[in-house]
Protein backbone atom coordinates (compact mmCIF):
# COMPACT_ATOMS: atom_id res chain seq x y z
CA MET A 1 -76.12 8.41 -146.18
CA SER A 2 -77.10 11.70 -144.57
CA LEU A 3 -79.43 13.00 -142.12
CA ALA A 4 -80.16 15.87 -144.67
CA THR A 5 -81.31 13.40 -147.36
CA LEU A 6 -82.91 10.95 -145.08
CA LEU A 7 -86.42 11.28 -146.21
CA GLY A 8 -85.30 11.04 -149.77
CA GLN A 9 -84.32 7.45 -149.30
CA ASN A 10 -86.17 4.92 -151.37
CA ARG A 11 -87.64 2.72 -148.74
CA PRO A 12 -90.87 0.58 -148.94
CA ASP A 13 -93.97 2.49 -147.69
CA GLU A 14 -94.53 -0.35 -145.16
CA ALA A 15 -91.03 -0.50 -143.77
CA LEU A 16 -91.34 -0.11 -139.81
CA VAL A 17 -89.84 3.05 -138.25
CA ALA A 18 -91.12 3.12 -134.65
CA ARG A 19 -93.31 1.30 -132.33
CA VAL A 20 -95.77 3.71 -130.64
CA GLY A 21 -97.78 1.93 -127.97
CA ASP A 22 -99.05 -1.18 -129.50
CA ALA A 23 -98.96 0.16 -133.16
CA TRP A 24 -96.12 0.58 -135.64
CA ARG A 25 -95.47 3.87 -137.55
CA THR A 26 -94.26 3.04 -141.02
CA TRP A 27 -92.01 4.91 -143.41
CA ARG A 28 -95.32 6.27 -145.12
CA ASP A 29 -96.41 7.47 -141.72
CA LEU A 30 -93.23 9.10 -141.05
CA LYS A 31 -93.29 11.13 -144.33
CA SER A 32 -96.89 12.02 -143.94
CA ASP A 33 -96.22 13.40 -140.26
CA VAL A 34 -93.09 15.29 -141.34
CA ALA A 35 -94.96 16.94 -144.27
CA GLY A 36 -97.85 18.22 -141.98
CA LEU A 37 -95.45 19.78 -139.48
CA THR A 38 -93.01 21.14 -142.21
CA ALA A 39 -95.88 23.02 -143.76
CA GLN A 40 -96.70 24.78 -140.44
CA LEU A 41 -93.03 25.54 -139.75
CA LEU A 42 -92.41 27.05 -143.21
CA GLU A 43 -94.90 29.80 -142.05
CA ARG A 44 -92.87 30.66 -138.99
CA PRO A 45 -89.96 33.11 -139.40
CA GLU A 46 -87.81 32.15 -136.49
CA PRO A 47 -84.47 30.64 -137.75
CA LYS A 48 -84.18 28.41 -134.53
CA LEU A 49 -86.64 26.40 -132.55
CA GLY A 50 -86.39 24.45 -129.17
CA LEU A 51 -87.43 20.81 -128.99
CA PHE A 52 -88.39 18.77 -125.85
CA CYS A 53 -90.29 15.64 -126.24
CA GLN A 54 -90.50 12.61 -123.88
CA ASP A 55 -91.01 10.01 -126.79
CA ALA A 56 -88.68 9.25 -129.46
CA TYR A 57 -91.15 9.12 -132.54
CA PRO A 58 -92.72 12.60 -132.28
CA PHE A 59 -89.16 13.95 -131.46
CA ALA A 60 -88.07 12.46 -134.88
CA VAL A 61 -91.10 13.97 -136.64
CA ALA A 62 -90.30 17.41 -135.20
CA LEU A 63 -86.67 17.06 -135.74
CA LEU A 64 -86.81 16.23 -139.53
CA ALA A 65 -89.65 18.74 -140.12
CA ALA A 66 -87.49 21.57 -138.45
CA TRP A 67 -84.51 20.75 -140.55
CA ARG A 68 -86.61 20.53 -143.78
CA ALA A 69 -87.97 23.90 -142.88
CA GLY A 70 -84.41 25.27 -142.65
CA LYS A 71 -84.15 25.67 -138.83
CA THR A 72 -81.65 24.90 -136.22
CA VAL A 73 -82.89 22.62 -133.66
CA CYS A 74 -81.90 23.30 -129.91
CA LEU A 75 -82.22 20.70 -127.20
CA PRO A 76 -82.30 21.30 -123.55
CA GLY A 77 -81.36 18.25 -121.39
CA HIS A 78 -84.26 18.95 -118.96
CA ASP A 79 -87.19 21.19 -118.60
CA GLY A 80 -85.51 23.70 -116.21
CA ALA A 81 -82.79 24.27 -118.80
CA ALA A 82 -85.21 25.47 -121.50
CA PRO A 83 -85.38 29.20 -120.70
CA ALA A 84 -81.58 29.57 -120.82
CA LEU A 85 -81.94 29.12 -124.65
CA GLY A 86 -84.15 32.37 -125.01
CA LEU A 87 -86.16 30.93 -127.94
CA ALA A 88 -89.65 32.16 -129.09
CA LEU A 89 -90.57 28.83 -130.88
CA TRP A 90 -90.87 25.50 -129.21
CA LEU A 91 -92.16 22.11 -130.12
CA GLY A 92 -92.81 19.42 -127.58
CA ASP A 93 -95.29 17.57 -125.56
CA ASP A 94 -96.71 17.99 -122.04
CA GLY A 95 -93.22 17.34 -120.75
CA LEU A 96 -92.14 21.07 -121.10
CA THR A 97 -94.08 23.50 -118.95
CA SER A 98 -91.42 26.17 -118.43
CA VAL A 99 -92.05 27.81 -121.93
CA PRO A 100 -94.97 27.91 -124.24
CA ARG A 101 -94.78 25.02 -126.79
CA GLN A 102 -96.45 23.94 -129.86
CA PRO A 103 -97.65 20.23 -129.84
CA ILE A 104 -96.20 17.88 -132.36
CA PRO A 105 -99.07 16.56 -134.72
CA VAL A 106 -98.60 12.99 -135.18
CA GLY A 107 -101.30 10.96 -137.25
CA GLY A 108 -104.55 11.83 -138.79
CA ALA A 109 -105.95 14.95 -140.24
CA ALA A 110 -103.75 16.95 -137.71
CA SER A 111 -100.52 16.08 -139.63
CA LEU A 112 -102.07 16.55 -143.08
CA ALA A 113 -101.88 12.74 -143.77
CA GLY A 114 -101.35 11.96 -147.35
CA SER A 115 -99.84 15.39 -148.16
CA PRO A 116 -96.54 15.57 -150.12
CA LEU A 117 -93.32 16.81 -148.39
CA PRO A 118 -92.87 20.40 -149.12
CA PRO A 119 -89.47 20.92 -151.12
CA PRO A 120 -86.59 21.15 -148.61
CA VAL A 121 -85.17 24.69 -147.53
CA PRO A 122 -81.38 24.66 -147.16
CA MET A 123 -80.31 23.40 -143.91
CA PRO A 124 -78.47 25.72 -141.51
CA ASP A 125 -74.66 25.18 -140.96
CA GLU A 126 -75.49 24.80 -137.23
CA ALA A 127 -77.96 21.82 -137.45
CA LEU A 128 -78.15 20.96 -133.70
CA VAL A 129 -77.51 22.75 -130.57
CA VAL A 130 -77.23 20.51 -127.30
CA LEU A 131 -77.47 22.24 -124.03
CA THR A 132 -75.53 20.11 -121.58
CA SER A 133 -74.69 20.74 -117.84
CA GLY A 134 -71.50 18.79 -118.05
CA SER A 135 -69.78 18.02 -114.73
CA THR A 136 -70.47 21.33 -112.96
CA GLY A 137 -74.13 21.54 -113.46
CA GLU A 138 -73.84 24.94 -115.32
CA PRO A 139 -75.59 25.04 -118.82
CA LYS A 140 -73.48 25.08 -121.86
CA ALA A 141 -74.61 25.15 -125.51
CA ILE A 142 -72.66 22.63 -127.74
CA VAL A 143 -72.99 23.23 -131.56
CA LYS A 144 -73.16 20.22 -133.84
CA ARG A 145 -72.84 20.57 -137.54
CA LEU A 146 -74.69 18.25 -139.99
CA GLY A 147 -71.40 16.88 -141.22
CA GLN A 148 -70.14 16.00 -137.63
CA LEU A 149 -73.23 14.10 -136.99
CA ASP A 150 -73.16 12.16 -140.38
CA SER A 151 -69.64 11.32 -139.68
CA GLU A 152 -70.30 9.94 -136.33
CA LEU A 153 -73.27 7.90 -137.46
CA ALA A 154 -71.22 6.31 -140.25
CA THR A 155 -68.50 5.45 -137.62
CA LEU A 156 -71.38 3.69 -135.44
CA GLU A 157 -72.59 1.78 -138.38
CA ARG A 158 -69.11 0.54 -139.46
CA VAL A 159 -68.19 -0.51 -135.91
CA PHE A 160 -71.43 -1.80 -134.52
CA GLY A 161 -73.75 -2.30 -137.56
CA PRO A 162 -73.13 -6.05 -138.15
CA ALA A 163 -74.09 -6.66 -134.31
CA VAL A 164 -77.40 -4.91 -134.49
CA GLU A 165 -78.53 -6.02 -137.95
CA GLY A 166 -82.31 -6.83 -137.72
CA ALA A 167 -82.58 -5.48 -134.13
CA VAL A 168 -85.07 -3.14 -132.69
CA PHE A 169 -83.63 -0.33 -130.59
CA LEU A 170 -84.87 0.16 -126.86
CA SER A 171 -83.62 2.87 -124.87
CA THR A 172 -83.82 4.06 -121.26
CA VAL A 173 -81.83 7.31 -122.02
CA SER A 174 -83.43 10.44 -123.55
CA GLN A 175 -82.85 11.71 -126.95
CA GLN A 176 -82.49 15.19 -125.47
CA HIS A 177 -78.89 14.20 -124.61
CA LEU A 178 -76.26 13.55 -127.46
CA TYR A 179 -75.71 9.88 -126.46
CA GLY A 180 -79.44 9.23 -126.65
CA PHE A 181 -79.94 11.43 -129.80
CA LEU A 182 -77.28 9.37 -131.67
CA PHE A 183 -77.82 5.88 -130.42
CA ARG A 184 -81.57 5.82 -129.62
CA LEU A 185 -82.77 7.80 -132.66
CA ALA A 186 -80.59 9.02 -135.38
CA TRP A 187 -78.56 6.05 -135.98
CA PRO A 188 -81.36 3.55 -136.27
CA LEU A 189 -83.44 6.11 -138.17
CA LEU A 190 -80.79 6.68 -140.74
CA ALA A 191 -79.87 2.91 -140.90
CA GLY A 192 -83.33 1.82 -141.31
CA ARG A 193 -83.79 -0.08 -138.05
CA PRO A 194 -86.91 0.36 -136.02
CA PHE A 195 -86.91 1.94 -132.55
CA VAL A 196 -89.41 1.75 -129.63
CA SER A 197 -90.80 5.35 -128.91
CA GLU A 198 -91.46 5.15 -125.34
CA THR A 199 -88.88 5.34 -122.55
CA PRO A 200 -89.48 2.53 -119.93
CA LEU A 201 -89.62 3.88 -116.33
CA PHE A 202 -88.63 0.67 -114.57
CA PRO A 203 -86.65 -2.51 -115.17
CA ALA A 204 -89.85 -4.62 -115.50
CA GLN A 205 -91.08 -2.45 -118.43
CA TRP A 206 -87.82 -2.54 -120.11
CA PHE A 207 -87.69 -6.30 -119.96
CA ALA A 208 -91.42 -6.54 -121.14
CA GLN A 209 -90.39 -4.28 -124.16
CA THR A 210 -87.63 -6.63 -124.87
CA LEU A 211 -89.86 -9.68 -124.89
CA GLN A 212 -92.02 -8.02 -127.74
CA HIS A 213 -89.10 -8.41 -130.12
CA GLU A 214 -87.22 -11.29 -131.35
CA ARG A 215 -84.00 -9.30 -131.60
CA ALA A 216 -83.16 -6.09 -129.68
CA ALA A 217 -80.37 -3.65 -129.03
CA TRP A 218 -80.21 -1.97 -125.70
CA VAL A 219 -79.25 1.60 -125.20
CA SER A 220 -78.83 2.60 -121.52
CA SER A 221 -76.32 4.01 -118.87
CA PRO A 222 -74.45 2.79 -115.84
CA ALA A 223 -77.00 4.20 -113.64
CA LEU A 224 -79.58 1.77 -115.06
CA TYR A 225 -77.45 -1.38 -115.48
CA LYS A 226 -76.33 -0.96 -111.76
CA ARG A 227 -79.97 -1.20 -110.69
CA LEU A 228 -81.12 -4.25 -112.59
CA PRO A 229 -82.07 -6.98 -110.15
CA ASP A 230 -80.10 -10.13 -109.91
CA ASP A 231 -83.10 -12.42 -110.05
CA PHE A 232 -85.23 -10.69 -112.49
CA GLY A 233 -86.21 -12.03 -115.86
CA TRP A 234 -82.68 -12.75 -117.27
CA ALA A 235 -83.67 -16.23 -118.67
CA GLN A 236 -86.53 -14.85 -120.57
CA VAL A 237 -84.41 -11.78 -122.32
CA ARG A 238 -81.26 -13.90 -122.73
CA GLY A 239 -80.68 -14.45 -126.49
CA ARG A 240 -83.10 -11.69 -127.50
CA VAL A 241 -80.52 -8.94 -126.79
CA CYS A 242 -77.86 -8.99 -129.52
CA GLN A 243 -75.92 -5.84 -128.52
CA ALA A 244 -75.98 -3.53 -125.29
CA PHE A 245 -74.60 -0.06 -125.07
CA SER A 246 -73.54 2.17 -122.15
CA SER A 247 -72.27 5.65 -121.88
CA GLY A 248 -72.46 8.66 -119.43
CA GLY A 249 -69.95 7.11 -116.94
CA VAL A 250 -67.70 3.99 -116.31
CA LEU A 251 -69.64 0.81 -115.99
CA PRO A 252 -67.95 -1.09 -113.17
CA LYS A 253 -66.52 -4.45 -113.83
CA ALA A 254 -68.66 -6.00 -111.10
CA VAL A 255 -71.64 -4.84 -113.22
CA ALA A 256 -70.48 -5.16 -116.82
CA VAL A 257 -69.30 -8.84 -116.55
CA PRO A 258 -72.35 -10.47 -115.13
CA THR A 259 -74.69 -8.27 -117.24
CA ALA A 260 -72.99 -9.63 -120.31
CA GLU A 261 -73.00 -13.19 -119.13
CA ARG A 262 -76.72 -12.94 -118.40
CA LEU A 263 -77.58 -11.31 -121.64
CA GLY A 264 -75.44 -13.70 -123.64
CA CYS A 265 -73.78 -10.61 -125.41
CA LYS A 266 -71.26 -7.96 -124.77
CA VAL A 267 -71.92 -4.61 -123.31
CA ALA A 268 -70.16 -1.94 -125.33
CA GLU A 269 -69.09 1.15 -123.41
CA ILE A 270 -68.77 4.44 -125.25
CA PHE A 271 -66.32 7.01 -124.03
CA GLY A 272 -66.77 10.72 -125.13
CA SER A 273 -68.64 13.79 -124.28
CA SER A 274 -71.24 16.20 -125.64
CA GLU A 275 -68.34 18.45 -126.89
CA THR A 276 -66.38 15.77 -128.68
CA GLY A 277 -68.94 13.13 -129.60
CA GLY A 278 -67.77 9.50 -129.46
CA VAL A 279 -63.95 9.05 -128.80
CA ALA A 280 -63.42 5.47 -127.85
CA TRP A 281 -65.07 2.26 -126.86
CA ARG A 282 -64.52 -1.07 -125.17
CA ASP A 283 -66.44 -4.18 -124.41
CA ASP A 284 -64.02 -6.12 -122.38
CA GLN A 285 -63.13 -3.77 -119.42
CA GLY A 286 -59.67 -3.23 -120.98
CA PRO A 287 -58.04 -0.20 -122.29
CA TRP A 288 -60.20 2.30 -124.34
CA ARG A 289 -59.84 1.93 -128.18
CA PRO A 290 -60.18 4.95 -130.34
CA LEU A 291 -63.03 4.85 -132.68
CA PRO A 292 -62.04 4.78 -136.43
CA GLY A 293 -60.83 8.18 -137.59
CA VAL A 294 -60.18 9.48 -134.02
CA ASP A 295 -56.65 10.21 -133.35
CA VAL A 296 -55.73 10.22 -129.58
CA ASP A 297 -51.91 9.48 -130.04
CA ARG A 298 -50.94 12.44 -128.00
CA ARG A 299 -51.05 13.55 -124.30
CA ALA A 300 -50.80 17.07 -122.95
CA GLU A 301 -48.07 18.16 -120.46
CA ASP A 302 -50.84 18.15 -117.65
CA GLY A 303 -51.80 14.65 -118.69
CA ALA A 304 -54.92 15.63 -120.70
CA LEU A 305 -56.14 13.65 -123.65
CA LEU A 306 -55.56 15.37 -126.91
CA LEU A 307 -57.38 14.21 -129.93
CA ARG A 308 -58.47 15.07 -133.49
CA SER A 309 -61.80 13.67 -134.82
CA PRO A 310 -64.12 13.68 -137.89
CA HIS A 311 -66.64 14.35 -135.13
CA LEU A 312 -65.12 17.73 -134.60
CA ASP A 313 -64.07 20.82 -136.69
CA PRO A 314 -60.79 20.00 -138.55
CA GLY A 315 -57.59 21.43 -137.16
CA ALA A 316 -55.30 21.08 -134.44
CA PHE A 317 -55.43 18.54 -131.36
CA GLN A 318 -58.25 19.46 -129.00
CA ALA A 319 -57.98 18.86 -125.13
CA MET A 320 -60.49 16.95 -123.15
CA ASP A 321 -60.81 17.38 -119.34
CA ASP A 322 -59.81 13.86 -118.59
CA GLY A 323 -56.33 12.79 -117.72
CA ILE A 324 -55.09 9.54 -119.53
CA GLU A 325 -52.24 7.15 -119.79
CA LEU A 326 -51.24 5.95 -123.19
CA VAL A 327 -50.98 2.16 -123.57
CA PRO A 328 -50.52 -0.12 -126.45
CA GLY A 329 -53.84 0.14 -128.78
CA GLY A 330 -55.39 2.78 -126.82
CA PHE A 331 -55.49 4.52 -123.32
CA THR A 332 -56.67 4.26 -119.78
CA VAL A 333 -58.54 7.09 -118.17
CA LEU A 334 -57.23 8.44 -114.96
CA GLY A 335 -59.91 10.95 -114.04
CA ARG A 336 -60.96 14.66 -114.67
CA LEU A 337 -58.15 17.06 -114.32
CA ASP A 338 -60.67 19.88 -113.24
CA ARG A 339 -60.92 18.03 -109.87
CA VAL A 340 -57.87 19.35 -108.37
CA VAL A 341 -58.61 21.90 -105.57
CA LYS A 342 -56.87 23.92 -102.95
CA VAL A 343 -57.34 23.50 -99.35
CA GLU A 344 -55.48 25.75 -97.10
CA GLU A 345 -53.16 26.69 -99.94
CA LYS A 346 -52.34 23.04 -100.64
CA ARG A 347 -53.32 21.33 -103.91
CA VAL A 348 -55.54 18.22 -103.32
CA ALA A 349 -56.56 15.87 -106.12
CA LEU A 350 -60.20 14.70 -105.36
CA PRO A 351 -59.77 11.51 -107.42
CA GLU A 352 -56.74 10.56 -105.29
CA ILE A 353 -59.10 10.75 -102.22
CA GLU A 354 -61.68 8.56 -103.89
CA ALA A 355 -58.96 6.07 -104.93
CA ALA A 356 -57.70 5.86 -101.46
CA LEU A 357 -61.18 5.37 -100.07
CA ALA A 358 -61.99 2.60 -102.47
CA ASP A 359 -58.82 0.83 -101.35
CA THR A 360 -60.13 0.44 -97.84
CA GLY A 361 -62.51 -2.25 -98.89
CA LEU A 362 -65.30 -0.32 -97.18
CA VAL A 363 -66.42 1.82 -100.05
CA SER A 364 -67.89 0.75 -103.44
CA GLN A 365 -68.65 4.21 -104.91
CA VAL A 366 -67.41 7.52 -103.60
CA HIS A 367 -67.48 11.18 -104.74
CA ALA A 368 -65.36 13.77 -103.08
CA LEU A 369 -65.62 17.53 -103.18
CA LEU A 370 -64.65 20.81 -101.61
CA LEU A 371 -67.10 22.32 -99.25
CA ASP A 372 -67.45 25.45 -97.27
CA ASP A 373 -67.64 24.31 -93.82
CA HIS A 374 -68.75 27.24 -91.76
CA GLY A 375 -66.44 29.54 -93.47
CA ARG A 376 -63.51 26.99 -93.58
CA GLN A 377 -62.65 24.91 -96.57
CA ALA A 378 -62.97 21.11 -96.03
CA ILE A 379 -63.25 17.98 -98.01
CA GLY A 380 -66.57 16.16 -98.03
CA ALA A 381 -67.16 12.48 -99.26
CA ALA A 382 -70.39 11.02 -100.37
CA VAL A 383 -69.93 7.18 -99.99
CA VAL A 384 -71.72 4.06 -101.10
CA LEU A 385 -70.58 1.31 -98.68
CA THR A 386 -69.65 -2.30 -99.42
CA GLY A 387 -71.00 -5.13 -97.26
CA ARG A 388 -68.19 -4.59 -94.78
CA GLY A 389 -68.75 -0.93 -94.59
CA ARG A 390 -72.59 -1.40 -94.05
CA GLU A 391 -71.79 -3.75 -91.07
CA LEU A 392 -69.59 -1.10 -89.38
CA LEU A 393 -72.12 1.55 -90.08
CA ALA A 394 -74.84 -0.63 -88.26
CA ALA A 395 -72.54 -0.61 -85.23
CA GLY A 396 -72.32 3.19 -85.29
CA LYS A 397 -71.09 5.97 -87.64
CA ALA A 398 -68.18 6.89 -85.31
CA GLY A 399 -66.40 3.55 -85.70
CA LEU A 400 -66.98 3.59 -89.47
CA LYS A 401 -65.47 7.07 -89.80
CA GLU A 402 -62.52 6.13 -87.87
CA ALA A 403 -61.84 3.00 -89.93
CA LEU A 404 -62.08 5.14 -93.11
CA ARG A 405 -59.69 7.74 -91.72
CA ALA A 406 -57.30 5.01 -90.57
CA GLY A 407 -57.14 3.76 -94.22
CA LEU A 408 -56.15 7.37 -95.40
CA VAL A 409 -53.65 8.53 -92.79
CA GLY A 410 -50.15 8.23 -94.14
CA ARG A 411 -51.42 8.07 -97.74
CA LEU A 412 -52.94 11.56 -97.94
CA PRO A 413 -52.02 14.95 -96.34
CA ALA A 414 -54.03 15.98 -93.33
CA VAL A 415 -55.90 18.60 -95.28
CA ALA A 416 -57.16 16.00 -97.62
CA LEU A 417 -58.68 13.83 -95.15
CA PRO A 418 -62.68 14.19 -95.49
CA ARG A 419 -64.20 16.16 -92.61
CA ARG A 420 -67.87 15.68 -93.48
CA TRP A 421 -69.34 12.35 -94.76
CA ARG A 422 -72.71 11.22 -96.26
CA PHE A 423 -73.41 7.54 -96.52
CA VAL A 424 -75.95 6.94 -99.22
CA ASP A 425 -77.68 3.93 -101.06
CA ALA A 426 -76.60 5.53 -104.54
CA LEU A 427 -74.81 8.58 -105.59
CA PRO A 428 -77.15 11.19 -107.24
CA ALA A 429 -76.78 10.83 -110.97
CA ASP A 430 -78.74 12.06 -114.03
CA GLY A 431 -80.19 10.08 -116.85
CA LEU A 432 -76.91 9.27 -118.36
CA GLY A 433 -75.46 7.95 -115.14
CA LYS A 434 -73.42 11.39 -114.50
CA VAL A 435 -72.57 12.36 -111.01
CA THR A 436 -72.26 16.16 -110.85
CA ARG A 437 -70.75 18.22 -108.08
CA ALA A 438 -74.02 20.20 -107.62
CA ALA A 439 -75.93 17.14 -107.22
CA VAL A 440 -73.68 15.69 -104.54
CA ALA A 441 -73.34 19.11 -102.86
CA GLY A 442 -76.98 18.98 -102.20
CA LEU A 443 -76.54 15.87 -99.93
CA PHE A 444 -74.72 18.15 -97.46
CA ARG A 445 -77.46 20.57 -97.06
CA ASP A 446 -79.87 20.59 -94.16
CA GLU A 447 -81.72 17.47 -93.41
CA PRO A 448 -85.57 17.27 -94.20
CA ALA A 449 -88.24 18.14 -91.74
CA SER A 450 -89.38 15.50 -89.45
CA TYR A 451 -91.90 15.12 -86.62
CA SER A 452 -91.53 12.61 -83.81
CA GLY A 453 -88.91 10.74 -85.73
CA ARG A 454 -91.11 10.58 -88.93
CA GLN A 455 -89.73 12.20 -92.01
CA LEU A 456 -92.38 14.46 -93.51
CA LEU A 457 -90.53 16.20 -96.44
CA PRO A 458 -88.15 14.72 -99.02
CA LYS A 459 -84.49 15.38 -98.86
CA VAL A 460 -83.49 18.55 -100.92
CA GLU A 461 -80.26 17.42 -102.65
CA ALA A 462 -79.76 20.53 -104.89
CA VAL A 463 -81.29 23.99 -105.27
CA LYS A 464 -81.16 26.19 -108.57
CA ARG A 465 -82.62 29.53 -108.33
CA GLU A 466 -84.21 31.17 -111.43
CA GLU A 467 -86.03 34.33 -112.33
CA ASN A 468 -89.29 33.92 -110.40
CA GLY A 469 -88.59 30.33 -109.88
CA VAL A 470 -86.53 27.57 -108.26
CA THR A 471 -85.80 24.00 -109.26
CA LEU A 472 -85.25 21.52 -106.32
CA THR A 473 -83.72 18.11 -106.71
CA LEU A 474 -85.54 15.96 -104.28
CA ARG A 475 -84.73 12.25 -103.17
CA MET A 476 -88.01 10.45 -102.16
CA GLU A 477 -86.57 8.37 -99.27
CA PRO A 478 -88.32 5.20 -98.32
CA GLU A 479 -88.73 6.55 -94.76
CA LEU A 480 -91.08 9.31 -95.88
CA ALA A 481 -94.42 8.98 -93.76
CA VAL A 482 -96.70 9.61 -96.83
CA PHE A 483 -95.43 6.19 -98.40
CA ASP A 484 -97.18 4.32 -95.39
CA GLY A 485 -100.21 2.50 -96.79
CA HIS A 486 -100.12 3.70 -100.34
CA PHE A 487 -99.83 0.96 -101.33
CA ASP A 488 -98.64 -2.06 -99.21
CA ALA A 489 -97.66 -4.12 -102.29
CA VAL A 490 -96.01 -1.34 -104.49
CA LYS A 491 -95.28 1.99 -102.72
CA ILE A 492 -96.05 5.09 -104.72
CA LEU A 493 -96.26 8.68 -103.78
CA ALA A 494 -99.91 9.92 -103.59
CA GLY A 495 -100.90 13.00 -105.70
CA VAL A 496 -102.07 14.93 -102.75
CA ALA A 497 -98.60 14.50 -101.21
CA GLN A 498 -96.97 15.87 -104.31
CA VAL A 499 -99.15 19.01 -104.20
CA ASP A 500 -98.45 19.25 -100.52
CA PHE A 501 -94.72 19.07 -101.02
CA ALA A 502 -94.97 21.67 -103.71
CA VAL A 503 -96.87 24.08 -101.58
CA ARG A 504 -94.63 23.56 -98.48
CA LEU A 505 -91.43 23.91 -100.41
CA GLY A 506 -92.74 26.86 -102.20
CA ARG A 507 -93.51 28.61 -98.89
CA ALA A 508 -89.72 28.11 -98.06
CA HIS A 509 -88.57 30.06 -101.24
CA PHE A 510 -91.58 32.56 -101.90
CA THR A 511 -93.80 34.75 -99.68
CA LEU A 512 -97.07 32.88 -100.52
CA PRO A 513 -100.63 33.80 -99.27
CA ARG A 514 -101.92 31.51 -96.58
CA GLU A 515 -105.27 30.57 -97.86
CA PHE A 516 -105.98 28.03 -100.57
CA SER A 517 -108.33 28.59 -103.26
CA ARG A 518 -108.18 25.67 -105.89
CA LEU A 519 -106.15 23.38 -108.05
CA GLU A 520 -105.91 23.87 -111.72
CA VAL A 521 -104.88 21.61 -114.63
CA ILE A 522 -103.46 19.05 -112.37
CA LYS A 523 -101.70 15.97 -114.37
CA PHE A 524 -100.27 12.88 -112.87
CA GLN A 525 -98.36 11.17 -115.69
CA ARG A 526 -95.66 8.98 -114.15
CA VAL A 527 -95.59 7.35 -110.70
CA ILE A 528 -93.01 8.43 -108.07
CA GLN A 529 -91.64 5.61 -105.89
CA PRO A 530 -89.35 5.24 -102.78
CA GLY A 531 -85.67 6.04 -103.80
CA ASP A 532 -86.51 8.15 -106.81
CA VAL A 533 -84.75 11.27 -107.55
CA VAL A 534 -86.91 14.00 -109.18
CA ASP A 535 -86.69 17.70 -110.09
CA LEU A 536 -89.49 19.88 -108.71
CA LYS A 537 -89.72 23.20 -110.58
CA LEU A 538 -91.56 25.80 -108.84
CA THR A 539 -92.66 29.25 -110.36
CA TRP A 540 -94.81 31.96 -108.38
CA ASP A 541 -96.99 34.26 -110.25
CA GLU A 542 -97.40 37.07 -107.88
CA ALA A 543 -99.97 38.86 -109.94
CA LYS A 544 -102.14 35.81 -110.51
CA LYS A 545 -101.48 34.39 -107.22
CA LYS A 546 -100.56 31.02 -108.78
CA LEU A 547 -97.79 28.41 -107.73
CA TYR A 548 -97.10 26.45 -110.78
CA PHE A 549 -95.16 23.17 -110.21
CA THR A 550 -93.65 20.37 -112.26
CA TYR A 551 -92.05 17.08 -111.08
CA SER A 552 -89.63 15.68 -113.61
CA SER A 553 -86.69 13.24 -113.87
CA PRO A 554 -84.75 11.58 -116.79
CA LYS A 555 -87.76 9.42 -117.09
CA GLY A 556 -90.02 12.31 -118.14
CA VAL A 557 -92.60 14.45 -116.31
CA HIS A 558 -94.25 12.84 -113.37
CA ALA A 559 -96.88 15.48 -112.34
CA SER A 560 -97.69 19.16 -113.08
CA GLY A 561 -100.22 21.74 -112.23
CA ARG A 562 -100.73 25.05 -110.55
CA VAL A 563 -102.22 26.00 -107.27
CA LEU A 564 -104.38 29.26 -106.82
CA LEU A 565 -103.68 30.86 -103.43
CA ALA A 566 -105.93 33.67 -102.06
CA ARG A 567 -104.64 36.82 -100.41
CA GLY A 568 -105.59 35.76 -96.88
CA ALA A 569 -103.48 37.09 -93.98
């Protein structure tokens, strides 16, 4: 089977493809929707197009239509990354506001229902381009050829196909990332297994989706599994989930084991990257086992993993950024090799600091990084505490810091001892559970504004400047004054507060007129709750005196609009 010939498969017209809301889209619907969009794309000269879509079914329609029209499809991981691709043609929904986009016609006359599929145009060699931030936060374009994608999908079917037979795929990760693209959409689409189009925003929605199906496969990340409540609906979903998948980071044993017990099935972790595709897997917290066809029998002099894979271009062994230790039947991962820094001319391994802190018994999660501390290099540590650690914190930060340092003295050189600390409920992570240096560095920026002890603005965890704009990563801490009374049962961030934050934070980055005129095309699409981390993209159009804003997260777009400001003094 191949993605190139997918629409040529002889499937019954009424075969289920995707659940969209309360209705099902069938094989006949898919071919009709693709036919309508393909006819439009054949009239466009651009060899490449960008695709950004919140839901999986319209994404599938756009993907297949673009390929049938002979175009390379480029995927930004989030809205703010779209301009970096420099494309003139975009397909998508309201989730993308940073570039003009063409809506994806789905259903009815808009998709030329009933029209035959136009003959396919030869597909480009570069079928897919994934824009990923990796561990640094800097965008990087990863090219995927059709043969590589087909090879990886065949491997997934070989290894996991029997376990998910007859299942409906439900996912909390976006198909804009390679993991979500493969597991949420391409694999079930190619294998003839239906999937749910919408991405659930909360565990309650995910559980509700699961209860709509007799047999389900879960596709998620450590970030979500860690947040599933202990006493929430497990008895109802137990027996319905036949297989769970996790990728984007290591799933702690303390999470993986109870999750598997509650579901009554194993949680398969996938190890790999956007560059390499899937490399290995495990479902027992043991060593990583290479996927079929992947050769990882070698280790570079610096300890890096070397591999050859059918998911990559053929040739010599390629190095990953992860250090490994070879063991019988596979390997263990030691950590990223690019996390070795120099402090006062001495080499310091950040994973070594993190391991030493974990051994104190006071820390459950930690991310260490190198900071510029007023012109002097210093180590910072963002820490999630254990129960014992929280008890010490309640008695005072000074005592906690002293206890942490005491556990490190003698084990680490003096220059490796953290000088700056942040104690948080959770490390900032993207939709795949990846903790990037840029996001953690944001924890060490200035504290948010407050008045009489009340917090007025969200915490700015990261700042990314762009031409005529800026993207701020914001943590909506529960202490924000605007959460009071809105509402008592379930706290949500009011729309007026979202607009106020956009203007206040906009004034910190642009020279804005003081007078307000009006709001335009305001949309509130997804709620924002205490603890949520969202990206606020702000763009200032000086000529039109308009401030454009978009709140988004891996869940999708939360709100967008523009504020017209007059020329007042």
